[in-house]
Amino acid sequence: MIKLVTDKRQLEFAGGTPFGCKIMSAANAYGLTFKTVEFWVQDGQRAATAKIDGDVLVADNGLDPGEMARFIKMLSPKRVSCAKQAALKLGVPVSRCGRIMFSRSIRNADIKYAPEVNPPIREIYALLCSCGSSTFTPPPFEPFYLDMSHRTRHGAALSVGVRHEGRLAACAVCTAACGESAVISAVACLPQERGHGFASFAVRAIAAMLGRNTAYIFRADGENEKFYRSLGFEDYGDWSETDFGSTVKKKE
């Protein structure tokens, strides 16, 4: 049975995983009464699920795929995000996928640059837009701004920037932090400022400031692997997203 969460402690079992961290962090930031954010758990702590502005996140802890697939279909999501292995269990057609990496040993760099804590969100967004590619399209500005602002105010998000000649040259952004885990959701550096170590420093600085035992990153398949490995990240698994358009297939 899948039950609506009435106490945030019901989600704690999943907080150490990448998607569980995202779900638990959203619960900490928005609470359990926010109109566009809802949370559920599957009996036996088999899975945690959140619906945030139409997007559904699933943290698999041995989920019952048939029941969860029917439940997701009932939610009429715009998008479903979960581990790729969970998507395969659910029979969900994968629209995009990539790699999850993790580190438990990032060491803070020498203070070569001065990190800026929580630089203006508009500047972060402009920097992200400058790094758009075939595998990365920045989200619409307004929901990004409102969500990032809300999460930062409630201690569930953190960003670190590095300036060069007065301009934000690089940043690292965490949009999910809870317990002993955090997800670094974006790292960006102005194309003309690459090669100076700005982005590496931003990642080390944000990891040190977060102070969590485990930091996760989500990257597109085949992109930036060497960069993250140089910072001590290792393979964890695969992430997937499904756009609905498609429908959840009934599990046989």
Protein backbone atom coordinates (compact mmCIF):
# COMPACT_ATOMS: atom_id res chain seq x y z
CA MET A 1 0.00 0.00 0.00
CA ILE A 2 1.15 3.55 -0.75
CA LYS A 3 0.38 6.08 1.94
CA LEU A 4 0.48 9.86 2.09
CA VAL A 5 3.31 11.10 4.32
CA THR A 6 2.05 12.84 7.45
CA ASP A 7 5.39 13.06 9.30
CA LYS A 8 8.72 13.88 7.62
CA ARG A 9 10.40 11.15 9.66
CA GLN A 10 8.58 8.64 7.42
CA LEU A 11 10.97 9.66 4.62
CA GLU A 12 14.23 9.38 6.55
CA PHE A 13 14.94 5.79 5.42
CA ALA A 14 15.54 7.04 1.87
CA GLY A 15 17.61 10.14 2.67
CA GLY A 16 21.00 8.53 2.06
CA THR A 17 20.29 7.80 -1.62
CA PRO A 18 20.43 10.40 -4.43
CA PHE A 19 16.69 10.49 -5.14
CA GLY A 20 15.81 10.00 -1.49
CA CYS A 21 17.96 13.01 -0.63
CA LYS A 22 16.07 15.07 -3.20
CA ILE A 23 12.73 13.95 -1.76
CA MET A 24 13.70 14.46 1.90
CA SER A 25 15.22 17.86 1.13
CA ALA A 26 12.03 18.98 -0.61
CA ALA A 27 10.02 17.90 2.44
CA ASN A 28 12.32 19.89 4.71
CA ALA A 29 12.07 22.97 2.49
CA TYR A 30 8.34 22.94 1.70
CA GLY A 31 6.84 20.95 4.55
CA LEU A 32 3.84 18.66 4.16
CA THR A 33 1.10 21.23 3.57
CA PHE A 34 2.41 23.11 0.51
CA LYS A 35 -0.24 22.91 -2.22
CA THR A 36 1.98 21.81 -5.12
CA VAL A 37 4.25 19.39 -3.20
CA GLU A 38 3.13 15.96 -1.91
CA PHE A 39 4.95 12.90 -0.55
CA TRP A 40 4.14 9.20 -0.20
CA VAL A 41 5.82 6.01 1.04
CA GLN A 42 5.22 2.44 0.03
CA ASP A 43 4.55 0.02 2.89
CA GLY A 44 7.66 -1.60 4.35
CA GLN A 45 9.80 1.40 3.39
CA ARG A 46 10.02 -0.02 -0.12
CA ALA A 47 9.96 3.37 -1.85
CA ALA A 48 9.53 7.08 -1.28
CA THR A 49 7.76 9.27 -3.84
CA ALA A 50 7.25 12.99 -4.26
CA LYS A 51 5.23 15.08 -6.70
CA ILE A 52 6.63 18.59 -7.05
CA ASP A 53 4.85 20.93 -9.46
CA GLY A 54 3.84 17.99 -11.62
CA ASP A 55 7.24 16.24 -11.61
CA VAL A 56 7.41 12.88 -9.81
CA LEU A 57 10.55 11.60 -8.04
CA VAL A 58 10.89 7.98 -6.96
CA ALA A 59 13.49 6.60 -4.52
CA ASP A 60 13.61 2.81 -4.90
CA ASN A 61 14.28 0.79 -1.76
CA GLY A 62 12.97 -2.50 -3.11
CA LEU A 63 9.72 -1.10 -4.52
CA ASP A 64 6.67 -3.10 -5.58
CA PRO A 65 6.77 -2.20 -9.29
CA GLY A 66 3.20 -3.11 -10.19
CA GLU A 67 1.65 -1.02 -7.42
CA MET A 68 4.05 1.88 -7.98
CA ALA A 69 3.48 1.92 -11.75
CA ARG A 70 -0.28 2.14 -11.24
CA PHE A 71 0.17 4.87 -8.64
CA ILE A 72 2.43 6.96 -10.89
CA LYS A 73 -0.06 6.71 -13.72
CA MET A 74 -2.79 7.95 -11.36
CA LEU A 75 -0.65 11.02 -10.52
CA SER A 76 -0.64 12.11 -14.21
CA PRO A 77 2.94 13.41 -14.01
CA LYS A 78 4.66 15.74 -16.46
CA ARG A 79 7.94 13.92 -15.81
CA VAL A 80 9.21 10.99 -13.74
CA SER A 81 12.77 10.96 -12.39
CA CYS A 82 14.34 7.93 -10.73
CA ALA A 83 17.27 5.54 -10.93
CA LYS A 84 17.40 3.87 -14.34
CA GLN A 85 17.08 0.46 -12.71
CA ALA A 86 13.85 1.60 -11.05
CA ALA A 87 12.53 2.83 -14.42
CA LEU A 88 13.21 -0.61 -15.88
CA LYS A 89 11.30 -2.25 -13.01
CA LEU A 90 8.37 0.11 -13.56
CA GLY A 91 8.28 -0.39 -17.31
CA VAL A 92 8.72 3.35 -17.82
CA PRO A 93 10.05 4.40 -21.25
CA VAL A 94 13.24 6.37 -20.63
CA SER A 95 13.47 9.78 -22.35
CA ARG A 96 16.91 10.75 -20.99
CA CYS A 97 19.52 9.08 -18.83
CA GLY A 98 23.00 9.64 -17.50
CA ARG A 99 25.38 8.82 -14.70
CA ILE A 100 25.23 9.43 -10.96
CA MET A 101 28.59 9.82 -9.24
CA PHE A 102 29.40 10.21 -5.56
CA SER A 103 32.24 11.26 -3.31
CA ARG A 104 32.93 10.81 0.37
CA SER A 105 36.42 12.28 0.23
CA ILE A 106 36.41 15.69 -1.47
CA ARG A 107 39.13 17.75 0.14
CA ASN A 108 38.87 21.49 0.29
CA ALA A 109 41.30 23.26 -2.02
CA ASP A 110 43.84 25.84 -0.96
CA ILE A 111 42.15 29.22 -0.76
CA LYS A 112 43.32 30.27 -4.19
CA TYR A 113 40.08 32.11 -4.93
CA ALA A 114 37.57 33.76 -2.64
CA PRO A 115 34.30 31.78 -2.69
CA GLU A 116 31.08 33.77 -2.73
CA VAL A 117 28.27 32.10 -0.79
CA ASN A 118 24.83 32.26 -2.44
CA PRO A 119 25.60 34.75 -5.22
CA PRO A 120 22.54 36.42 -6.81
CA ILE A 121 20.29 33.81 -8.40
CA ARG A 122 19.91 35.90 -11.57
CA GLU A 123 23.67 35.75 -12.07
CA ILE A 124 23.71 32.00 -11.47
CA TYR A 125 20.95 31.57 -14.02
CA ALA A 126 22.77 33.68 -16.60
CA LEU A 127 25.90 31.58 -16.06
CA LEU A 128 23.92 28.35 -16.50
CA CYS A 129 22.44 29.72 -19.73
CA SER A 130 25.94 30.46 -21.04
CA CYS A 131 26.72 26.75 -20.61
CA GLY A 132 23.67 25.38 -22.43
CA SER A 133 24.33 22.42 -24.71
CA SER A 134 22.58 19.59 -26.51
CA THR A 135 22.39 17.70 -23.21
CA PHE A 136 21.68 20.64 -20.89
CA THR A 137 18.86 23.14 -21.29
CA PRO A 138 18.41 25.54 -18.36
CA PRO A 139 14.94 25.43 -16.82
CA PRO A 140 12.56 28.38 -17.24
CA PHE A 141 13.76 31.31 -15.17
CA GLU A 142 10.77 32.02 -12.93
CA PRO A 143 10.27 28.53 -11.41
CA PHE A 144 14.04 28.16 -11.05
CA TYR A 145 14.28 31.49 -9.24
CA LEU A 146 11.34 30.84 -6.92
CA ASP A 147 12.42 27.29 -6.03
CA MET A 148 16.08 28.17 -5.50
CA SER A 149 15.18 31.20 -3.40
CA HIS A 150 12.76 29.21 -1.24
CA ARG A 151 15.15 26.27 -0.71
CA THR A 152 18.05 28.60 0.14
CA ARG A 153 15.99 30.47 2.73
CA HIS A 154 15.03 27.17 4.36
CA GLY A 155 18.56 25.75 4.45
CA ALA A 156 17.91 23.05 1.82
CA ALA A 157 20.02 24.65 -0.93
CA LEU A 158 23.42 26.31 -1.20
CA SER A 159 25.39 27.86 -4.02
CA VAL A 160 29.01 28.94 -4.26
CA GLY A 161 30.42 31.28 -6.87
CA VAL A 162 33.88 32.37 -7.98
CA ARG A 163 34.30 35.84 -9.45
CA HIS A 164 36.95 36.96 -11.89
CA GLU A 165 37.31 40.64 -12.69
CA GLY A 166 33.98 41.30 -10.99
CA ARG A 167 32.00 38.79 -13.06
CA LEU A 168 30.63 35.45 -11.84
CA ALA A 169 33.01 33.09 -13.64
CA ALA A 170 31.98 29.75 -12.09
CA CYS A 171 29.49 28.29 -9.67
CA ALA A 172 28.44 25.07 -7.98
CA VAL A 173 24.81 24.67 -6.91
CA CYS A 174 23.31 22.28 -4.38
CA THR A 175 19.51 22.08 -4.46
CA ALA A 176 19.12 19.11 -2.09
CA ALA A 177 20.77 18.59 1.27
CA CYS A 178 19.54 16.48 4.17
CA GLY A 179 21.07 14.42 6.94
CA GLU A 180 24.47 13.21 5.77
CA SER A 181 23.84 13.56 2.00
CA ALA A 182 23.70 16.32 -0.58
CA VAL A 183 23.15 16.57 -4.33
CA ILE A 184 25.28 19.03 -6.30
CA SER A 185 22.85 19.67 -9.12
CA ALA A 186 24.78 22.12 -11.30
CA VAL A 187 28.38 23.14 -11.94
CA ALA A 188 29.10 25.81 -14.52
CA CYS A 189 31.99 27.93 -15.77
CA LEU A 190 31.95 30.65 -18.40
CA PRO A 191 33.42 29.12 -21.58
CA GLN A 192 36.04 31.88 -21.87
CA GLU A 193 37.11 31.38 -18.23
CA ARG A 194 37.78 27.65 -18.35
CA GLY A 195 41.21 26.26 -17.61
CA HIS A 196 41.84 28.34 -14.49
CA GLY A 197 40.45 25.88 -11.94
CA PHE A 198 37.43 28.05 -11.06
CA ALA A 199 34.88 25.23 -11.37
CA SER A 200 37.04 22.73 -9.45
CA PHE A 201 37.45 25.21 -6.64
CA ALA A 202 33.68 25.89 -6.55
CA VAL A 203 32.94 22.15 -6.19
CA ARG A 204 35.50 21.68 -3.43
CA ALA A 205 34.28 24.80 -1.63
CA ILE A 206 30.60 23.84 -1.71
CA ALA A 207 31.36 20.27 -0.58
CA ALA A 208 33.33 21.64 2.38
CA MET A 209 30.57 24.11 3.29
CA LEU A 210 27.85 21.45 3.04
CA GLY A 211 29.78 19.21 5.42
CA ARG A 212 27.91 16.05 4.41
CA ASN A 213 29.45 12.57 4.35
CA THR A 214 28.30 11.94 0.79
CA ALA A 215 27.95 14.31 -2.16
CA TYR A 216 26.20 13.15 -5.33
CA ILE A 217 26.29 14.66 -8.80
CA PHE A 218 24.12 13.88 -11.84
CA ARG A 219 25.87 14.18 -15.20
CA ALA A 220 24.94 13.53 -18.81
CA ASP A 221 26.28 10.26 -20.18
CA GLY A 222 29.76 10.79 -21.59
CA GLU A 223 30.18 14.33 -20.28
CA ASN A 224 32.55 15.72 -17.62
CA GLU A 225 33.57 12.29 -16.31
CA LYS A 226 37.28 13.15 -16.20
CA PHE A 227 36.55 16.43 -14.39
CA TYR A 228 34.54 14.76 -11.61
CA ARG A 229 36.95 11.85 -11.24
CA SER A 230 39.77 14.36 -10.72
CA LEU A 231 37.77 15.66 -7.74
CA GLY A 232 37.38 12.21 -6.19
CA PHE A 233 33.95 11.21 -7.52
CA GLU A 234 33.18 7.57 -8.30
CA ASP A 235 30.41 5.79 -10.17
CA TYR A 236 27.19 5.19 -8.27
CA GLY A 237 24.63 4.21 -10.93
CA ASP A 238 22.38 5.65 -13.63
CA TRP A 239 19.60 8.24 -13.48
CA SER A 240 16.68 8.45 -15.86
CA GLU A 241 13.89 10.85 -16.78
CA THR A 242 10.65 10.08 -18.58
CA ASP A 243 8.51 12.73 -20.23
CA PHE A 244 4.79 12.00 -20.21
CA GLY A 245 3.71 12.11 -23.48
CA SER A 246 4.45 8.48 -22.83
CA THR A 247 2.40 6.46 -20.37
CA VAL A 248 3.50 4.06 -17.67
CA LYS A 249 3.26 0.54 -18.97
CA LYS A 250 1.37 -1.92 -16.87
CA LYS A 251 3.80 -4.35 -15.24
CA GLU A 252 3.11 -7.93 -16.30
